[in-house]
Amino acid sequence: MADTDAALYTELQALLKPFGQEHVLTFWDRLDSAQRAALADDVRSVDLADQQHQFNRAMLSASRPQPYRVPKTESHAHRVPFA
């Protein structure tokens, strides 16, 4: 790995690690320099802190008990005549 690629890898690892996303770099060694630069641009363009915040909000919402809804009884439904 060239020095610039090694530095880029280290930079991306530092960006991804706090959010547990290091797996994004799993196939780094299979990428050429242009692909590595494109991946770096993609990683930098994602607001990982905001993504983590949105994920945490969604998980919190999903873990809250939902209000019980009384199912409609037949008296609330309209019967459809059979032909």
N, C-alpha and C. Protein backbone atom coordinates (compact mmCIF):
# COMPACT_ATOMS: atom_id res chain seq x y z
N MET A 1 0.86 -1.17 0.00
CA MET A 1 0.00 0.00 0.00
C MET A 1 0.90 1.23 0.00
N ALA A 2 0.68 2.13 -0.93
CA ALA A 2 1.47 3.36 -1.02
C ALA A 2 1.22 4.22 0.21
N ASP A 3 2.18 5.13 0.47
CA ASP A 3 2.06 6.00 1.64
C ASP A 3 0.77 6.80 1.63
N THR A 4 0.40 7.33 0.45
CA THR A 4 -0.83 8.13 0.37
C THR A 4 -2.04 7.25 0.62
N ASP A 5 -2.03 6.02 0.10
CA ASP A 5 -3.15 5.10 0.35
C ASP A 5 -3.20 4.70 1.82
N ALA A 6 -2.04 4.50 2.43
CA ALA A 6 -1.99 4.16 3.85
C ALA A 6 -2.53 5.30 4.70
N ALA A 7 -2.17 6.53 4.33
CA ALA A 7 -2.67 7.69 5.06
C ALA A 7 -4.18 7.82 4.88
N LEU A 8 -4.66 7.57 3.68
CA LEU A 8 -6.09 7.64 3.40
C LEU A 8 -6.84 6.57 4.19
N TYR A 9 -6.29 5.38 4.22
CA TYR A 9 -6.89 4.28 4.98
C TYR A 9 -6.98 4.66 6.47
N THR A 10 -5.91 5.22 7.00
CA THR A 10 -5.88 5.63 8.40
C THR A 10 -6.93 6.71 8.68
N GLU A 11 -7.04 7.66 7.75
CA GLU A 11 -8.04 8.73 7.90
C GLU A 11 -9.45 8.16 7.93
N LEU A 12 -9.74 7.27 6.97
CA LEU A 12 -11.07 6.69 6.90
C LEU A 12 -11.38 5.83 8.11
N GLN A 13 -10.39 5.10 8.54
CA GLN A 13 -10.57 4.26 9.73
C GLN A 13 -10.92 5.13 10.94
N ALA A 14 -10.26 6.28 11.06
CA ALA A 14 -10.55 7.19 12.17
C ALA A 14 -11.97 7.76 12.07
N LEU A 15 -12.44 7.98 10.85
CA LEU A 15 -13.81 8.48 10.67
C LEU A 15 -14.86 7.41 10.98
N LEU A 16 -14.57 6.19 10.59
CA LEU A 16 -15.55 5.10 10.69
C LEU A 16 -15.60 4.42 12.06
N LYS A 17 -14.47 4.31 12.71
CA LYS A 17 -14.37 3.54 13.96
C LYS A 17 -15.32 4.01 15.05
N PRO A 18 -15.47 5.31 15.30
CA PRO A 18 -16.39 5.72 16.38
C PRO A 18 -17.84 5.28 16.17
N PHE A 19 -18.17 4.93 14.95
CA PHE A 19 -19.53 4.53 14.64
C PHE A 19 -19.65 3.04 14.32
N GLY A 20 -18.58 2.31 14.56
CA GLY A 20 -18.59 0.86 14.33
C GLY A 20 -18.75 0.48 12.87
N GLN A 21 -18.21 1.29 11.97
CA GLN A 21 -18.40 1.05 10.55
C GLN A 21 -17.10 0.69 9.82
N GLU A 22 -16.13 0.17 10.55
CA GLU A 22 -14.84 -0.18 9.93
C GLU A 22 -14.97 -1.23 8.83
N HIS A 23 -16.04 -2.00 8.87
CA HIS A 23 -16.24 -3.04 7.85
C HIS A 23 -16.32 -2.46 6.44
N VAL A 24 -16.59 -1.17 6.33
CA VAL A 24 -16.63 -0.52 5.02
C VAL A 24 -15.28 -0.66 4.30
N LEU A 25 -14.22 -0.81 5.07
CA LEU A 25 -12.87 -0.91 4.51
C LEU A 25 -12.41 -2.36 4.31
N THR A 26 -13.30 -3.31 4.46
CA THR A 26 -12.94 -4.72 4.38
C THR A 26 -12.19 -5.09 3.10
N PHE A 27 -12.62 -4.57 1.97
CA PHE A 27 -12.03 -4.94 0.69
C PHE A 27 -11.11 -3.85 0.14
N TRP A 28 -10.57 -3.02 1.02
CA TRP A 28 -9.67 -1.92 0.64
C TRP A 28 -8.53 -2.41 -0.25
N ASP A 29 -7.94 -3.53 0.10
CA ASP A 29 -6.79 -4.05 -0.64
C ASP A 29 -7.13 -4.46 -2.08
N ARG A 30 -8.40 -4.68 -2.36
CA ARG A 30 -8.81 -5.07 -3.71
C ARG A 30 -9.10 -3.86 -4.61
N LEU A 31 -9.10 -2.66 -4.04
CA LEU A 31 -9.41 -1.46 -4.80
C LEU A 31 -8.16 -0.82 -5.37
N ASP A 32 -8.29 -0.23 -6.55
CA ASP A 32 -7.17 0.53 -7.08
C ASP A 32 -7.23 1.95 -6.50
N SER A 33 -6.27 2.78 -6.81
CA SER A 33 -6.19 4.12 -6.21
C SER A 33 -7.42 4.97 -6.51
N ALA A 34 -7.93 4.88 -7.74
CA ALA A 34 -9.12 5.67 -8.11
C ALA A 34 -10.34 5.21 -7.31
N GLN A 35 -10.47 3.90 -7.15
CA GLN A 35 -11.60 3.37 -6.38
C GLN A 35 -11.48 3.74 -4.90
N ARG A 36 -10.26 3.73 -4.39
CA ARG A 36 -10.04 4.13 -3.00
C ARG A 36 -10.40 5.59 -2.79
N ALA A 37 -10.01 6.44 -3.75
CA ALA A 37 -10.34 7.86 -3.65
C ALA A 37 -11.85 8.07 -3.70
N ALA A 38 -12.54 7.31 -4.57
CA ALA A 38 -14.00 7.41 -4.67
C ALA A 38 -14.67 6.96 -3.37
N LEU A 39 -14.18 5.86 -2.81
CA LEU A 39 -14.71 5.39 -1.53
C LEU A 39 -14.48 6.43 -0.45
N ALA A 40 -13.31 7.03 -0.42
CA ALA A 40 -13.01 8.06 0.57
C ALA A 40 -13.97 9.23 0.44
N ASP A 41 -14.24 9.65 -0.80
CA ASP A 41 -15.20 10.74 -1.03
C ASP A 41 -16.58 10.36 -0.52
N ASP A 42 -16.98 9.12 -0.78
CA ASP A 42 -18.29 8.66 -0.31
C ASP A 42 -18.36 8.66 1.21
N VAL A 43 -17.34 8.13 1.85
CA VAL A 43 -17.33 8.07 3.31
C VAL A 43 -17.37 9.48 3.90
N ARG A 44 -16.59 10.37 3.34
CA ARG A 44 -16.58 11.76 3.84
C ARG A 44 -17.91 12.46 3.64
N SER A 45 -18.67 12.06 2.63
CA SER A 45 -19.93 12.73 2.33
C SER A 45 -21.07 12.32 3.25
N VAL A 46 -20.89 11.25 4.00
CA VAL A 46 -21.93 10.75 4.90
C VAL A 46 -21.73 11.37 6.28
N ASP A 47 -22.79 11.96 6.80
CA ASP A 47 -22.75 12.50 8.16
C ASP A 47 -23.03 11.35 9.12
N LEU A 48 -21.98 10.67 9.54
CA LEU A 48 -22.13 9.48 10.36
C LEU A 48 -22.75 9.78 11.72
N ALA A 49 -22.45 10.94 12.27
CA ALA A 49 -23.04 11.31 13.56
C ALA A 49 -24.56 11.46 13.42
N ASP A 50 -24.99 12.08 12.34
CA ASP A 50 -26.43 12.23 12.12
C ASP A 50 -27.08 10.88 11.85
N GLN A 51 -26.41 10.02 11.08
CA GLN A 51 -26.94 8.69 10.82
C GLN A 51 -27.10 7.90 12.13
N GLN A 52 -26.12 8.02 13.01
CA GLN A 52 -26.19 7.34 14.31
C GLN A 52 -27.35 7.89 15.12
N HIS A 53 -27.50 9.20 15.10
CA HIS A 53 -28.59 9.85 15.84
C HIS A 53 -29.95 9.37 15.32
N GLN A 54 -30.12 9.35 14.00
CA GLN A 54 -31.38 8.92 13.41
C GLN A 54 -31.66 7.45 13.73
N PHE A 55 -30.63 6.62 13.68
CA PHE A 55 -30.79 5.21 14.02
C PHE A 55 -31.22 5.04 15.47
N ASN A 56 -30.56 5.77 16.37
CA ASN A 56 -30.90 5.68 17.80
C ASN A 56 -32.33 6.12 18.05
N ARG A 57 -32.77 7.18 17.37
CA ARG A 57 -34.15 7.64 17.52
C ARG A 57 -35.13 6.58 17.04
N ALA A 58 -34.82 5.96 15.92
CA ALA A 58 -35.71 4.93 15.37
C ALA A 58 -35.79 3.73 16.32
N MET A 59 -34.66 3.33 16.86
CA MET A 59 -34.66 2.19 17.78
C MET A 59 -35.40 2.51 19.06
N LEU A 60 -35.26 3.72 19.56
CA LEU A 60 -35.97 4.13 20.76
C LEU A 60 -37.47 4.13 20.51
N SER A 61 -37.86 4.65 19.38
CA SER A 61 -39.28 4.69 19.02
C SER A 61 -39.84 3.28 18.89
N ALA A 62 -39.07 2.40 18.29
CA ALA A 62 -39.54 1.02 18.09
C ALA A 62 -39.65 0.25 19.40
N SER A 63 -38.89 0.66 20.40
CA SER A 63 -38.89 -0.07 21.67
C SER A 63 -39.98 0.42 22.62
N ARG A 64 -40.61 1.55 22.30
CA ARG A 64 -41.69 2.06 23.15
C ARG A 64 -42.95 1.25 22.90
N PRO A 65 -43.71 1.02 23.98
CA PRO A 65 -44.98 0.32 23.77
C PRO A 65 -45.92 1.19 22.92
N GLN A 66 -46.57 0.56 21.99
CA GLN A 66 -47.51 1.27 21.15
C GLN A 66 -48.88 1.26 21.81
N PRO A 67 -49.65 2.33 21.63
CA PRO A 67 -50.98 2.35 22.25
C PRO A 67 -51.86 1.23 21.68
N TYR A 68 -52.65 0.66 22.57
CA TYR A 68 -53.55 -0.41 22.15
C TYR A 68 -54.70 0.20 21.36
N ARG A 69 -54.98 -0.37 20.22
CA ARG A 69 -56.10 0.09 19.41
C ARG A 69 -57.15 -1.00 19.37
N VAL A 70 -58.35 -0.59 19.70
CA VAL A 70 -59.46 -1.54 19.69
C VAL A 70 -59.82 -1.84 18.24
N PRO A 71 -59.82 -3.11 17.88
CA PRO A 71 -60.18 -3.44 16.50
C PRO A 71 -61.64 -3.11 16.24
N LYS A 72 -61.90 -2.73 15.01
CA LYS A 72 -63.29 -2.44 14.64
C LYS A 72 -64.12 -3.71 14.75
N THR A 73 -65.28 -3.56 15.31
CA THR A 73 -66.18 -4.71 15.39
C THR A 73 -67.04 -4.73 14.15
N GLU A 74 -67.77 -5.79 14.01
CA GLU A 74 -68.59 -5.93 12.82
C GLU A 74 -69.63 -4.83 12.73
N SER A 75 -70.05 -4.29 13.87
CA SER A 75 -71.05 -3.23 13.84
C SER A 75 -70.51 -1.95 13.19
N HIS A 76 -69.20 -1.81 13.13
CA HIS A 76 -68.59 -0.65 12.49
C HIS A 76 -68.31 -0.89 11.01
N ALA A 77 -68.38 -2.15 10.61
CA ALA A 77 -68.07 -2.48 9.22
C ALA A 77 -69.34 -2.55 8.40
N HIS A 78 -69.23 -2.30 7.14
CA HIS A 78 -70.36 -2.43 6.24
C HIS A 78 -70.28 -3.78 5.53
N ARG A 79 -71.39 -4.47 5.54
CA ARG A 79 -71.39 -5.76 4.85
C ARG A 79 -71.53 -5.52 3.36
N VAL A 80 -70.78 -6.33 2.62
CA VAL A 80 -70.87 -6.28 1.18
C VAL A 80 -71.67 -7.47 0.72
N PRO A 81 -72.78 -7.22 0.01
CA PRO A 81 -73.61 -8.35 -0.41
C PRO A 81 -72.89 -9.19 -1.46
N PHE A 82 -73.09 -10.48 -1.38
CA PHE A 82 -72.54 -11.39 -2.39
C PHE A 82 -73.47 -11.43 -3.58
N ALA A 83 -72.92 -11.48 -4.74
CA ALA A 83 -73.74 -11.51 -5.97
C ALA A 83 -74.22 -12.89 -6.28
